[in-house]
Amino acid sequence: MPIFEYRCKDCGTKFEKIVSNGHSEVVCRHCSSPRVDQLLSVFAVSGASREAAAAEPGPCPCGAPRRGMCGE
């Protein structure tokens, strides 16, 4: 089930709500107003960068004796 972000038009409170279907009525958690705007959410993925992976000790998956030595 997706989590949507909203902002109340009356009191300005920002909040999140899990919506099981796109037709659920959403009201402000602070003032109970039904006047809310759905905000644009950004999908984020976290992972190690190449630099962080190169700094890890041990052999590189490419076969080099150390990480960061690929192609040297």
PDB file of N, CA and C in Angstrom:
ATOM      1  N   MET A   1       0.834  -1.178   0.000  1.00  0.00           N
ATOM      2  CA  MET A   1       0.000   0.000   0.000  1.00  0.00           C
ATOM      3  C   MET A   1       0.882   1.247   0.000  1.00  0.00           C
ATOM      4  N   PRO A   2       0.587   2.191  -0.842  1.00  0.00           N
ATOM      5  CA  PRO A   2       1.422   3.399  -0.921  1.00  0.00           C
ATOM      6  C   PRO A   2       1.195   4.353   0.245  1.00  0.00           C
ATOM      7  N   ILE A   3       2.246   5.083   0.568  1.00  0.00           N
ATOM      8  CA  ILE A   3       2.163   6.146   1.564  1.00  0.00           C
ATOM      9  C   ILE A   3       2.189   7.461   0.804  1.00  0.00           C
ATOM     10  N   PHE A   4       1.187   8.298   1.031  1.00  0.00           N
ATOM     11  CA  PHE A   4       1.109   9.585   0.374  1.00  0.00           C
ATOM     12  C   PHE A   4       1.352  10.692   1.389  1.00  0.00           C
ATOM     13  N   GLU A   5       1.907  11.798   0.913  1.00  0.00           N
ATOM     14  CA  GLU A   5       2.137  12.966   1.753  1.00  0.00           C
ATOM     15  C   GLU A   5       1.096  14.026   1.411  1.00  0.00           C
ATOM     16  N   TYR A   6       0.626  14.718   2.447  1.00  0.00           N
ATOM     17  CA  TYR A   6      -0.414  15.730   2.276  1.00  0.00           C
ATOM     18  C   TYR A   6      -0.060  16.987   3.074  1.00  0.00           C
ATOM     19  N   ARG A   7      -0.671  18.112   2.684  1.00  0.00           N
ATOM     20  CA  ARG A   7      -0.596  19.363   3.440  1.00  0.00           C
ATOM     21  C   ARG A   7      -2.013  19.909   3.561  1.00  0.00           C
ATOM     22  N   CYS A   8      -2.375  20.268   4.783  1.00  0.00           N
ATOM     23  CA  CYS A   8      -3.703  20.818   5.044  1.00  0.00           C
ATOM     24  C   CYS A   8      -3.767  22.255   4.537  1.00  0.00           C
ATOM     25  N   LYS A   9      -4.814  22.578   3.789  1.00  0.00           N
ATOM     26  CA  LYS A   9      -5.007  23.942   3.280  1.00  0.00           C
ATOM     27  C   LYS A   9      -5.439  24.906   4.382  1.00  0.00           C
ATOM     28  N   ASP A  10      -6.015  24.379   5.450  1.00  0.00           N
ATOM     29  CA  ASP A  10      -6.510  25.244   6.519  1.00  0.00           C
ATOM     30  C   ASP A  10      -5.450  25.562   7.573  1.00  0.00           C
ATOM     31  N   CYS A  11      -4.739  24.546   8.067  1.00  0.00           N
ATOM     32  CA  CYS A  11      -3.782  24.801   9.153  1.00  0.00           C
ATOM     33  C   CYS A  11      -2.329  24.652   8.726  1.00  0.00           C
ATOM     34  N   GLY A  12      -2.074  24.119   7.515  1.00  0.00           N
ATOM     35  CA  GLY A  12      -0.710  23.999   7.011  1.00  0.00           C
ATOM     36  C   GLY A  12       0.058  22.786   7.489  1.00  0.00           C
ATOM     37  N   THR A  13      -0.560  21.923   8.287  1.00  0.00           N
ATOM     38  CA  THR A  13       0.113  20.733   8.790  1.00  0.00           C
ATOM     39  C   THR A  13       0.436  19.779   7.646  1.00  0.00           C
ATOM     40  N   LYS A  14       1.669  19.248   7.647  1.00  0.00           N
ATOM     41  CA  LYS A  14       2.062  18.214   6.687  1.00  0.00           C
ATOM     42  C   LYS A  14       1.972  16.864   7.386  1.00  0.00           C
ATOM     43  N   PHE A  15       1.458  15.860   6.670  1.00  0.00           N
ATOM     44  CA  PHE A  15       1.334  14.533   7.256  1.00  0.00           C
ATOM     45  C   PHE A  15       1.348  13.481   6.161  1.00  0.00           C
ATOM     46  N   GLU A  16       1.543  12.229   6.575  1.00  0.00           N
ATOM     47  CA  GLU A  16       1.543  11.095   5.661  1.00  0.00           C
ATOM     48  C   GLU A  16       0.359  10.203   5.986  1.00  0.00           C
ATOM     49  N   LYS A  17      -0.118   9.478   4.980  1.00  0.00           N
ATOM     50  CA  LYS A  17      -1.227   8.551   5.192  1.00  0.00           C
ATOM     51  C   LYS A  17      -1.061   7.372   4.256  1.00  0.00           C
ATOM     52  N   ILE A  18      -1.250   6.178   4.790  1.00  0.00           N
ATOM     53  CA  ILE A  18      -1.268   4.976   3.966  1.00  0.00           C
ATOM     54  C   ILE A  18      -2.651   4.891   3.350  1.00  0.00           C
ATOM     55  N   VAL A  19      -2.705   4.788   2.033  1.00  0.00           N
ATOM     56  CA  VAL A  19      -3.983   4.770   1.312  1.00  0.00           C
ATOM     57  C   VAL A  19      -4.120   3.422   0.627  1.00  0.00           C
ATOM     58  N   SER A  20      -5.143   2.653   1.032  1.00  0.00           N
ATOM     59  CA  SER A  20      -5.316   1.310   0.478  1.00  0.00           C
ATOM     60  C   SER A  20      -5.882   1.346  -0.938  1.00  0.00           C
ATOM     61  N   ASN A  21      -6.672   2.352  -1.244  1.00  0.00           N
ATOM     62  CA  ASN A  21      -7.132   2.551  -2.619  1.00  0.00           C
ATOM     63  C   ASN A  21      -7.141   4.051  -2.879  1.00  0.00           C
ATOM     64  N   GLY A  22      -7.104   4.436  -4.100  1.00  0.00           N
ATOM     65  CA  GLY A  22      -6.987   5.843  -4.438  1.00  0.00           C
ATOM     66  C   GLY A  22      -8.191   6.702  -4.101  1.00  0.00           C
ATOM     67  N   HIS A  23      -9.233   6.117  -3.524  1.00  0.00           N
ATOM     68  CA  HIS A  23     -10.464   6.856  -3.278  1.00  0.00           C
ATOM     69  C   HIS A  23     -10.770   7.055  -1.797  1.00  0.00           C
ATOM     70  N   SER A  24      -9.799   6.797  -0.923  1.00  0.00           N
ATOM     71  CA  SER A  24     -10.021   7.010   0.512  1.00  0.00           C
ATOM     72  C   SER A  24     -10.109   8.501   0.807  1.00  0.00           C
ATOM     73  N   GLU A  25     -11.028   8.878   1.702  1.00  0.00           N
ATOM     74  CA  GLU A  25     -11.118  10.277   2.104  1.00  0.00           C
ATOM     75  C   GLU A  25      -9.973  10.573   3.055  1.00  0.00           C
ATOM     76  N   VAL A  26      -9.276  11.657   2.795  1.00  0.00           N
ATOM     77  CA  VAL A  26      -8.146  12.056   3.625  1.00  0.00           C
ATOM     78  C   VAL A  26      -8.516  13.337   4.344  1.00  0.00           C
ATOM     79  N   VAL A  27      -8.340  13.342   5.664  1.00  0.00           N
ATOM     80  CA  VAL A  27      -8.585  14.536   6.463  1.00  0.00           C
ATOM     81  C   VAL A  27      -7.328  14.832   7.268  1.00  0.00           C
ATOM     82  N   CYS A  28      -7.145  16.096   7.593  1.00  0.00           N
ATOM     83  CA  CYS A  28      -5.994  16.545   8.359  1.00  0.00           C
ATOM     84  C   CYS A  28      -5.998  15.896   9.744  1.00  0.00           C
ATOM     85  N   ARG A  29      -4.847  15.391  10.156  1.00  0.00           N
ATOM     86  CA  ARG A  29      -4.741  14.767  11.478  1.00  0.00           C
ATOM     87  C   ARG A  29      -4.781  15.800  12.599  1.00  0.00           C
ATOM     88  N   HIS A  30      -4.458  17.041  12.275  1.00  0.00           N
ATOM     89  CA  HIS A  30      -4.396  18.080  13.306  1.00  0.00           C
ATOM     90  C   HIS A  30      -5.755  18.761  13.520  1.00  0.00           C
ATOM     91  N   CYS A  31      -6.390  19.186  12.413  1.00  0.00           N
ATOM     92  CA  CYS A  31      -7.636  19.953  12.556  1.00  0.00           C
ATOM     93  C   CYS A  31      -8.861  19.263  11.950  1.00  0.00           C
ATOM     94  N   SER A  32      -8.698  18.074  11.395  1.00  0.00           N
ATOM     95  CA  SER A  32      -9.786  17.276  10.801  1.00  0.00           C
ATOM     96  C   SER A  32     -10.415  17.897   9.563  1.00  0.00           C
ATOM     97  N   SER A  33      -9.734  18.846   8.943  1.00  0.00           N
ATOM     98  CA  SER A  33     -10.254  19.469   7.724  1.00  0.00           C
ATOM     99  C   SER A  33     -10.091  18.510   6.546  1.00  0.00           C
ATOM    100  N   PRO A  34     -11.098  18.416   5.688  1.00  0.00           N
ATOM    101  CA  PRO A  34     -10.963  17.597   4.480  1.00  0.00           C
ATOM    102  C   PRO A  34     -10.246  18.342   3.347  1.00  0.00           C
ATOM    103  N   ARG A  35      -9.898  19.620   3.577  1.00  0.00           N
ATOM    104  CA  ARG A  35      -9.242  20.435   2.543  1.00  0.00           C
ATOM    105  C   ARG A  35      -7.727  20.197   2.593  1.00  0.00           C
ATOM    106  N   VAL A  36      -7.269  19.164   1.872  1.00  0.00           N
ATOM    107  CA  VAL A  36      -5.851  18.819   1.862  1.00  0.00           C
ATOM    108  C   VAL A  36      -5.351  18.717   0.423  1.00  0.00           C
ATOM    109  N   ASP A  37      -4.075  19.011   0.243  1.00  0.00           N
ATOM    110  CA  ASP A  37      -3.409  18.836  -1.050  1.00  0.00           C
ATOM    111  C   ASP A  37      -2.445  17.674  -0.945  1.00  0.00           C
ATOM    112  N   GLN A  38      -2.439  16.816  -1.968  1.00  0.00           N
ATOM    113  CA  GLN A  38      -1.445  15.747  -2.006  1.00  0.00           C
ATOM    114  C   GLN A  38      -0.145  16.354  -2.505  1.00  0.00           C
ATOM    115  N   LEU A  39       0.952  16.069  -1.808  1.00  0.00           N
ATOM    116  CA  LEU A  39       2.251  16.609  -2.176  1.00  0.00           C
ATOM    117  C   LEU A  39       2.995  15.642  -3.085  1.00  0.00           C
ATOM    118  N   LEU A  40       3.927  16.171  -3.828  1.00  0.00           N
ATOM    119  CA  LEU A  40       4.764  15.358  -4.689  1.00  0.00           C
ATOM    120  C   LEU A  40       5.828  14.696  -3.832  1.00  0.00           C
ATOM    121  N   SER A  41       5.858  13.385  -3.822  1.00  0.00           N
ATOM    122  CA  SER A  41       6.841  12.641  -3.041  1.00  0.00           C
ATOM    123  C   SER A  41       8.001  12.252  -3.934  1.00  0.00           C
ATOM    124  N   VAL A  42       9.161  12.114  -3.310  1.00  0.00           N
ATOM    125  CA  VAL A  42      10.359  11.711  -4.030  1.00  0.00           C
ATOM    126  C   VAL A  42      10.746  10.321  -3.569  1.00  0.00           C
ATOM    127  N   PHE A  43      10.923   9.422  -4.525  1.00  0.00           N
ATOM    128  CA  PHE A  43      11.348   8.070  -4.219  1.00  0.00           C
ATOM    129  C   PHE A  43      12.853   8.078  -4.015  1.00  0.00           C
ATOM    130  N   ALA A  44      13.322   7.505  -2.926  1.00  0.00           N
ATOM    131  CA  ALA A  44      14.759   7.508  -2.628  1.00  0.00           C
ATOM    132  C   ALA A  44      15.257   6.087  -2.417  1.00  0.00           C
ATOM    133  N   VAL A  45      16.446   5.835  -2.911  1.00  0.00           N
ATOM    134  CA  VAL A  45      17.109   4.555  -2.715  1.00  0.00           C
ATOM    135  C   VAL A  45      18.481   4.846  -2.147  1.00  0.00           C
ATOM    136  N   SER A  46      18.850   4.102  -1.138  1.00  0.00           N
ATOM    137  CA  SER A  46      20.151   4.293  -0.516  1.00  0.00           C
ATOM    138  C   SER A  46      21.063   3.147  -0.908  1.00  0.00           C
ATOM    139  N   GLY A  47      22.299   3.477  -1.181  1.00  0.00           N
ATOM    140  CA  GLY A  47      23.278   2.460  -1.522  1.00  0.00           C
ATOM    141  C   GLY A  47      24.674   3.036  -1.468  1.00  0.00           C
ATOM    142  N   ALA A  48      25.654   2.167  -1.499  1.00  0.00           N
ATOM    143  CA  ALA A  48      27.044   2.609  -1.435  1.00  0.00           C
ATOM    144  C   ALA A  48      27.480   3.160  -2.788  1.00  0.00           C
ATOM    145  N   SER A  49      28.269   4.210  -2.751  1.00  0.00           N
ATOM    146  CA  SER A  49      28.817   4.770  -3.973  1.00  0.00           C
ATOM    147  C   SER A  49      30.039   3.970  -4.395  1.00  0.00           C
ATOM    148  N   ARG A  50      30.524   4.197  -5.594  1.00  0.00           N
ATOM    149  CA  ARG A  50      31.736   3.501  -6.061  1.00  0.00           C
ATOM    150  C   ARG A  50      32.919   3.836  -5.173  1.00  0.00           C
ATOM    151  N   GLU A  51      33.005   5.101  -4.725  1.00  0.00           N
ATOM    152  CA  GLU A  51      34.114   5.505  -3.871  1.00  0.00           C
ATOM    153  C   GLU A  51      34.067   4.773  -2.534  1.00  0.00           C
ATOM    154  N   ALA A  52      32.857   4.632  -1.974  1.00  0.00           N
ATOM    155  CA  ALA A  52      32.711   3.926  -0.700  1.00  0.00           C
ATOM    156  C   ALA A  52      33.053   2.451  -0.870  1.00  0.00           C
ATOM    157  N   ALA A  53      32.629   1.863  -1.983  1.00  0.00           N
ATOM    158  CA  ALA A  53      32.939   0.462  -2.234  1.00  0.00           C
ATOM    159  C   ALA A  53      34.441   0.272  -2.440  1.00  0.00           C
ATOM    160  N   ALA A  54      35.099   1.243  -3.082  1.00  0.00           N
ATOM    161  CA  ALA A  54      36.538   1.146  -3.321  1.00  0.00           C
ATOM    162  C   ALA A  54      37.328   1.229  -2.022  1.00  0.00           C
ATOM    163  N   ALA A  55      36.770   1.883  -1.010  1.00  0.00           N
ATOM    164  CA  ALA A  55      37.476   2.037   0.257  1.00  0.00           C
ATOM    165  C   ALA A  55      37.356   0.807   1.142  1.00  0.00           C
ATOM    166  N   GLU A  56      36.466  -0.132   0.803  1.00  0.00           N
ATOM    167  CA  GLU A  56      36.294  -1.326   1.615  1.00  0.00           C
ATOM    168  C   GLU A  56      37.515  -2.227   1.483  1.00  0.00           C
ATOM    169  N   PRO A  57      37.948  -2.835   2.588  1.00  0.00           N
ATOM    170  CA  PRO A  57      39.102  -3.727   2.523  1.00  0.00           C
ATOM    171  C   PRO A  57      38.748  -5.038   1.831  1.00  0.00           C
ATOM    172  N   GLY A  58      39.766  -5.737   1.396  1.00  0.00           N
ATOM    173  CA  GLY A  58      39.560  -7.056   0.816  1.00  0.00           C
ATOM    174  C   GLY A  58      39.651  -7.039  -0.689  1.00  0.00           C
ATOM    175  N   PRO A  59      39.605  -8.230  -1.282  1.00  0.00           N
ATOM    176  CA  PRO A  59      39.729  -8.325  -2.740  1.00  0.00           C
ATOM    177  C   PRO A  59      38.521  -7.733  -3.446  1.00  0.00           C
ATOM    178  N   CYS A  60      38.787  -7.191  -4.627  1.00  0.00           N
ATOM    179  CA  CYS A  60      37.738  -6.612  -5.449  1.00  0.00           C
ATOM    180  C   CYS A  60      37.009  -7.732  -6.190  1.00  0.00           C
ATOM    181  N   PRO A  61      35.706  -7.581  -6.428  1.00  0.00           N
ATOM    182  CA  PRO A  61      34.973  -8.602  -7.188  1.00  0.00           C
ATOM    183  C   PRO A  61      35.524  -8.812  -8.596  1.00  0.00           C
ATOM    184  N   CYS A  62      36.279  -7.823  -9.134  1.00  0.00           N
ATOM    185  CA  CYS A  62      36.818  -7.978 -10.486  1.00  0.00           C
ATOM    186  C   CYS A  62      38.053  -8.879 -10.499  1.00  0.00           C
ATOM    187  N   GLY A  63      38.583  -9.199  -9.311  1.00  0.00           N
ATOM    188  CA  GLY A  63      39.765 -10.063  -9.242  1.00  0.00           C
ATOM    189  C   GLY A  63      41.023  -9.330  -8.820  1.00  0.00           C
ATOM    190  N   ALA A  64      40.985  -8.006  -8.741  1.00  0.00           N
ATOM    191  CA  ALA A  64      42.152  -7.239  -8.286  1.00  0.00           C
ATOM    192  C   ALA A  64      42.408  -7.560  -6.810  1.00  0.00           C
ATOM    193  N   PRO A  65      43.662  -7.473  -6.358  1.00  0.00           N
ATOM    194  CA  PRO A  65      43.975  -7.833  -4.976  1.00  0.00           C
ATOM    195  C   PRO A  65      43.334  -6.922  -3.926  1.00  0.00           C
ATOM    196  N   ARG A  66      43.037  -5.665  -4.295  1.00  0.00           N
ATOM    197  CA  ARG A  66      42.371  -4.733  -3.383  1.00  0.00           C
ATOM    198  C   ARG A  66      41.281  -4.000  -4.127  1.00  0.00           C
ATOM    199  N   ARG A  67      40.262  -3.585  -3.404  1.00  0.00           N
ATOM    200  CA  ARG A  67      39.225  -2.749  -4.017  1.00  0.00           C
ATOM    201  C   ARG A  67      39.862  -1.411  -4.413  1.00  0.00           C
ATOM    202  N   GLY A  68      39.463  -0.873  -5.560  1.00  0.00           N
ATOM    203  CA  GLY A  68      40.009   0.381  -6.046  1.00  0.00           C
ATOM    204  C   GLY A  68      41.187   0.200  -6.970  1.00  0.00           C
ATOM    205  N   MET A  69      41.639  -1.048  -7.149  1.00  0.00           N
ATOM    206  CA  MET A  69      42.777  -1.301  -8.033  1.00  0.00           C
ATOM    207  C   MET A  69      42.336  -1.817  -9.403  1.00  0.00           C
ATOM    208  N   CYS A  70      41.074  -1.761  -9.690  1.00  0.00           N
ATOM    209  CA  CYS A  70      40.566  -2.263 -10.975  1.00  0.00           C
ATOM    210  C   CYS A  70      41.281  -1.573 -12.139  1.00  0.00           C
ATOM    211  N   GLY A  71      41.805  -2.350 -13.043  1.00  0.00           N
ATOM    212  CA  GLY A  71      42.434  -1.802 -14.241  1.00  0.00           C
ATOM    213  C   GLY A  71      43.795  -1.177 -14.019  1.00  0.00           C
ATOM    214  N   GLU A  72      44.353  -1.265 -12.820  1.00  0.00           N
ATOM    215  CA  GLU A  72      45.680  -0.695 -12.574  1.00  0.00           C
ATOM    216  C   GLU A  72      46.755  -1.672 -12.998  1.00  0.00           C
TER     217      GLU A  72
END
